[in-house]
Amino acid sequence: MSKSKIFIPCDDANHVCDKTQYKEASLWEMIKLNIHLIYCRACRKYTKNNTKLTKAIKKSDVECLDKKSKLSMKLDFEKVLKEHSN
């Protein structure tokens, strides 16, 4: 197996890290990411922060507005914006 297929650049490692966060990375990509993380401190930090972010979002109790409320807010905003621009 050639080095070029095992060792990946930081940009690719960060992309795989993001894919892993959403469970979209293949086994081979995760293997290459873990090899990269052995020797790259910056990507280890990126991965650690990404993991913290994922856990924080999963743990939060954020409630999203329904479509009707969003549309109402948008229309109200556009109305006020139009009044102030005149």
N, C-alpha and C. Protein backbone atom coordinates (compact mmCIF):
# COMPACT_ATOMS: atom_id res chain seq x y z
N MET A 1 0.84 -1.18 0.00
CA MET A 1 0.00 0.00 0.00
C MET A 1 0.89 1.24 0.00
N SER A 2 0.59 2.18 -0.84
CA SER A 2 1.44 3.37 -0.94
C SER A 2 1.10 4.38 0.15
N LYS A 3 2.10 5.21 0.47
CA LYS A 3 1.93 6.23 1.49
C LYS A 3 0.81 7.19 1.14
N SER A 4 0.71 7.54 -0.13
CA SER A 4 -0.27 8.55 -0.55
C SER A 4 -1.71 8.11 -0.29
N LYS A 5 -1.96 6.83 -0.21
CA LYS A 5 -3.32 6.37 0.05
C LYS A 5 -3.63 6.29 1.54
N ILE A 6 -2.62 6.24 2.38
CA ILE A 6 -2.83 6.16 3.82
C ILE A 6 -2.76 7.52 4.47
N PHE A 7 -1.77 8.32 4.09
CA PHE A 7 -1.58 9.63 4.71
C PHE A 7 -2.39 10.68 3.94
N ILE A 8 -3.19 11.42 4.69
CA ILE A 8 -4.04 12.43 4.07
C ILE A 8 -3.66 13.82 4.59
N PRO A 9 -3.89 14.87 3.79
CA PRO A 9 -3.59 16.22 4.25
C PRO A 9 -4.62 16.68 5.29
N CYS A 10 -4.29 17.75 5.99
CA CYS A 10 -5.16 18.27 7.05
C CYS A 10 -6.56 18.62 6.55
N ASP A 11 -6.65 19.21 5.37
CA ASP A 11 -7.97 19.57 4.83
C ASP A 11 -8.86 18.34 4.70
N ASP A 12 -8.29 17.27 4.18
CA ASP A 12 -9.06 16.02 4.04
C ASP A 12 -9.40 15.44 5.41
N ALA A 13 -8.47 15.52 6.34
CA ALA A 13 -8.71 14.99 7.69
C ALA A 13 -9.86 15.74 8.35
N ASN A 14 -9.88 17.06 8.21
CA ASN A 14 -10.97 17.84 8.79
C ASN A 14 -12.30 17.52 8.13
N HIS A 15 -12.27 17.29 6.83
CA HIS A 15 -13.50 16.92 6.12
C HIS A 15 -14.02 15.57 6.62
N VAL A 16 -13.13 14.62 6.78
CA VAL A 16 -13.53 13.30 7.29
C VAL A 16 -14.04 13.43 8.72
N CYS A 17 -13.41 14.28 9.51
CA CYS A 17 -13.86 14.51 10.88
C CYS A 17 -15.30 15.02 10.87
N ASP A 18 -15.60 15.96 9.98
CA ASP A 18 -16.96 16.49 9.86
C ASP A 18 -17.93 15.39 9.42
N LYS A 19 -17.52 14.57 8.46
CA LYS A 19 -18.36 13.48 8.00
C LYS A 19 -18.62 12.48 9.12
N THR A 20 -17.60 12.23 9.93
CA THR A 20 -17.73 11.30 11.05
C THR A 20 -18.77 11.81 12.05
N GLN A 21 -18.77 13.12 12.25
CA GLN A 21 -19.73 13.74 13.17
C GLN A 21 -21.17 13.39 12.78
N TYR A 22 -21.44 13.29 11.49
CA TYR A 22 -22.79 13.00 11.00
C TYR A 22 -22.94 11.54 10.56
N LYS A 23 -21.98 10.71 10.96
CA LYS A 23 -21.98 9.28 10.65
C LYS A 23 -22.05 9.00 9.15
N GLU A 24 -21.30 9.80 8.37
CA GLU A 24 -21.27 9.65 6.93
C GLU A 24 -19.92 9.16 6.41
N ALA A 25 -18.94 9.00 7.29
CA ALA A 25 -17.60 8.58 6.88
C ALA A 25 -17.53 7.06 6.77
N SER A 26 -16.80 6.61 5.77
CA SER A 26 -16.61 5.17 5.60
C SER A 26 -15.55 4.67 6.60
N LEU A 27 -15.48 3.38 6.75
CA LEU A 27 -14.48 2.78 7.64
C LEU A 27 -13.07 3.17 7.20
N TRP A 28 -12.81 3.11 5.89
CA TRP A 28 -11.48 3.44 5.37
C TRP A 28 -11.14 4.90 5.66
N GLU A 29 -12.10 5.80 5.52
CA GLU A 29 -11.86 7.21 5.83
C GLU A 29 -11.53 7.40 7.31
N MET A 30 -12.25 6.69 8.16
CA MET A 30 -11.99 6.81 9.61
C MET A 30 -10.62 6.24 9.97
N ILE A 31 -10.20 5.19 9.31
CA ILE A 31 -8.86 4.63 9.55
C ILE A 31 -7.80 5.65 9.16
N LYS A 32 -7.96 6.26 7.97
CA LYS A 32 -6.99 7.27 7.52
C LYS A 32 -7.00 8.47 8.45
N LEU A 33 -8.17 8.87 8.94
CA LEU A 33 -8.26 9.98 9.88
C LEU A 33 -7.50 9.66 11.16
N ASN A 34 -7.70 8.48 11.70
CA ASN A 34 -7.02 8.10 12.94
C ASN A 34 -5.51 8.04 12.76
N ILE A 35 -5.04 7.59 11.61
CA ILE A 35 -3.60 7.59 11.34
C ILE A 35 -3.11 9.04 11.30
N HIS A 36 -3.86 9.91 10.65
CA HIS A 36 -3.48 11.32 10.57
C HIS A 36 -3.43 11.95 11.97
N LEU A 37 -4.39 11.60 12.81
CA LEU A 37 -4.46 12.19 14.15
C LEU A 37 -3.28 11.78 15.03
N ILE A 38 -2.63 10.67 14.70
CA ILE A 38 -1.47 10.22 15.47
C ILE A 38 -0.35 11.26 15.38
N TYR A 39 -0.16 11.85 14.21
CA TYR A 39 0.97 12.75 14.04
C TYR A 39 0.60 14.24 13.87
N CYS A 40 -0.68 14.59 13.89
CA CYS A 40 -1.06 15.99 13.65
C CYS A 40 -1.81 16.57 14.86
N ARG A 41 -1.11 17.41 15.60
CA ARG A 41 -1.68 18.03 16.79
C ARG A 41 -2.85 18.96 16.45
N ALA A 42 -2.73 19.72 15.38
CA ALA A 42 -3.79 20.67 15.00
C ALA A 42 -5.10 19.95 14.68
N CYS A 43 -5.01 18.85 13.97
CA CYS A 43 -6.22 18.10 13.63
C CYS A 43 -6.80 17.37 14.85
N ARG A 44 -5.93 16.96 15.77
CA ARG A 44 -6.44 16.37 17.02
C ARG A 44 -7.28 17.40 17.76
N LYS A 45 -6.78 18.64 17.80
CA LYS A 45 -7.51 19.72 18.47
C LYS A 45 -8.84 20.00 17.75
N TYR A 46 -8.80 20.04 16.42
CA TYR A 46 -10.02 20.25 15.63
C TYR A 46 -11.04 19.16 15.93
N THR A 47 -10.59 17.92 15.95
CA THR A 47 -11.47 16.78 16.22
C THR A 47 -12.05 16.86 17.63
N LYS A 48 -11.22 17.23 18.59
CA LYS A 48 -11.67 17.36 19.98
C LYS A 48 -12.75 18.44 20.09
N ASN A 49 -12.52 19.58 19.46
CA ASN A 49 -13.50 20.66 19.49
C ASN A 49 -14.78 20.29 18.76
N ASN A 50 -14.65 19.56 17.66
CA ASN A 50 -15.80 19.10 16.91
C ASN A 50 -16.65 18.15 17.76
N THR A 51 -15.99 17.28 18.49
CA THR A 51 -16.69 16.34 19.37
C THR A 51 -17.42 17.09 20.48
N LYS A 52 -16.76 18.09 21.06
CA LYS A 52 -17.42 18.90 22.10
C LYS A 52 -18.66 19.59 21.55
N LEU A 53 -18.55 20.15 20.36
CA LEU A 53 -19.67 20.83 19.73
C LEU A 53 -20.84 19.88 19.50
N THR A 54 -20.54 18.70 18.98
CA THR A 54 -21.58 17.70 18.74
C THR A 54 -22.29 17.33 20.02
N LYS A 55 -21.54 17.09 21.09
CA LYS A 55 -22.14 16.73 22.38
C LYS A 55 -22.99 17.87 22.92
N ALA A 56 -22.51 19.10 22.80
CA ALA A 56 -23.25 20.26 23.31
C ALA A 56 -24.58 20.43 22.57
N ILE A 57 -24.56 20.22 21.27
CA ILE A 57 -25.79 20.36 20.48
C ILE A 57 -26.78 19.25 20.83
N LYS A 58 -26.29 18.03 20.98
CA LYS A 58 -27.17 16.91 21.32
C LYS A 58 -27.78 17.09 22.71
N LYS A 59 -26.99 17.67 23.61
CA LYS A 59 -27.43 17.85 25.00
C LYS A 59 -28.41 19.02 25.16
N SER A 60 -28.36 19.97 24.26
CA SER A 60 -29.20 21.16 24.40
C SER A 60 -30.67 20.83 24.15
N ASP A 61 -31.52 21.63 24.76
CA ASP A 61 -32.96 21.47 24.58
C ASP A 61 -33.50 22.62 23.73
N VAL A 62 -32.92 22.79 22.56
CA VAL A 62 -33.33 23.86 21.67
C VAL A 62 -34.62 23.46 20.96
N GLU A 63 -35.57 24.38 20.97
CA GLU A 63 -36.82 24.14 20.26
C GLU A 63 -36.88 25.09 19.08
N CYS A 64 -37.18 24.57 17.93
CA CYS A 64 -37.26 25.38 16.72
C CYS A 64 -38.68 25.87 16.51
N LEU A 65 -38.78 27.01 15.86
CA LEU A 65 -40.09 27.55 15.54
C LEU A 65 -40.71 26.75 14.40
N ASP A 66 -42.03 26.68 14.40
CA ASP A 66 -42.71 26.03 13.30
C ASP A 66 -42.72 26.97 12.09
N LYS A 67 -43.02 26.45 10.92
CA LYS A 67 -42.96 27.22 9.68
C LYS A 67 -43.90 28.42 9.70
N LYS A 68 -45.06 28.26 10.28
CA LYS A 68 -46.03 29.35 10.33
C LYS A 68 -45.48 30.51 11.14
N SER A 69 -44.86 30.24 12.27
CA SER A 69 -44.29 31.29 13.11
C SER A 69 -43.12 31.98 12.41
N LYS A 70 -42.29 31.20 11.73
CA LYS A 70 -41.17 31.77 10.99
C LYS A 70 -41.65 32.72 9.89
N LEU A 71 -42.67 32.28 9.17
CA LEU A 71 -43.22 33.10 8.09
C LEU A 71 -43.81 34.39 8.65
N SER A 72 -44.51 34.29 9.75
CA SER A 72 -45.10 35.46 10.39
C SER A 72 -44.02 36.45 10.82
N MET A 73 -42.95 35.96 11.42
CA MET A 73 -41.84 36.82 11.82
C MET A 73 -41.19 37.49 10.61
N LYS A 74 -41.04 36.74 9.54
CA LYS A 74 -40.42 37.27 8.33
C LYS A 74 -41.27 38.39 7.75
N LEU A 75 -42.57 38.17 7.69
CA LEU A 75 -43.46 39.19 7.14
C LEU A 75 -43.46 40.45 8.02
N ASP A 76 -43.48 40.25 9.33
CA ASP A 76 -43.42 41.39 10.26
C ASP A 76 -42.11 42.17 10.08
N PHE A 77 -41.02 41.45 9.95
CA PHE A 77 -39.72 42.08 9.77
C PHE A 77 -39.67 42.88 8.47
N GLU A 78 -40.15 42.28 7.40
CA GLU A 78 -40.15 42.97 6.11
C GLU A 78 -41.02 44.22 6.14
N LYS A 79 -42.15 44.15 6.86
CA LYS A 79 -43.04 45.30 6.99
C LYS A 79 -42.33 46.44 7.73
N VAL A 80 -41.69 46.14 8.85
CA VAL A 80 -40.98 47.16 9.63
C VAL A 80 -39.80 47.69 8.83
N LEU A 81 -39.09 46.84 8.15
CA LEU A 81 -37.95 47.27 7.34
C LEU A 81 -38.40 48.23 6.24
N LYS A 82 -39.51 47.92 5.63
CA LYS A 82 -40.06 48.78 4.56
C LYS A 82 -40.47 50.15 5.12
N GLU A 83 -41.06 50.15 6.32
CA GLU A 83 -41.47 51.40 6.96
C GLU A 83 -40.26 52.28 7.28
N HIS A 84 -39.18 51.68 7.72
CA HIS A 84 -37.98 52.44 8.09
C HIS A 84 -37.17 52.89 6.88
N SER A 85 -37.31 52.20 5.77
CA SER A 85 -36.53 52.59 4.58
C SER A 85 -37.19 53.75 3.83
N ASN A 86 -38.44 54.03 4.10
CA ASN A 86 -39.16 55.13 3.44
C ASN A 86 -38.95 56.44 4.13
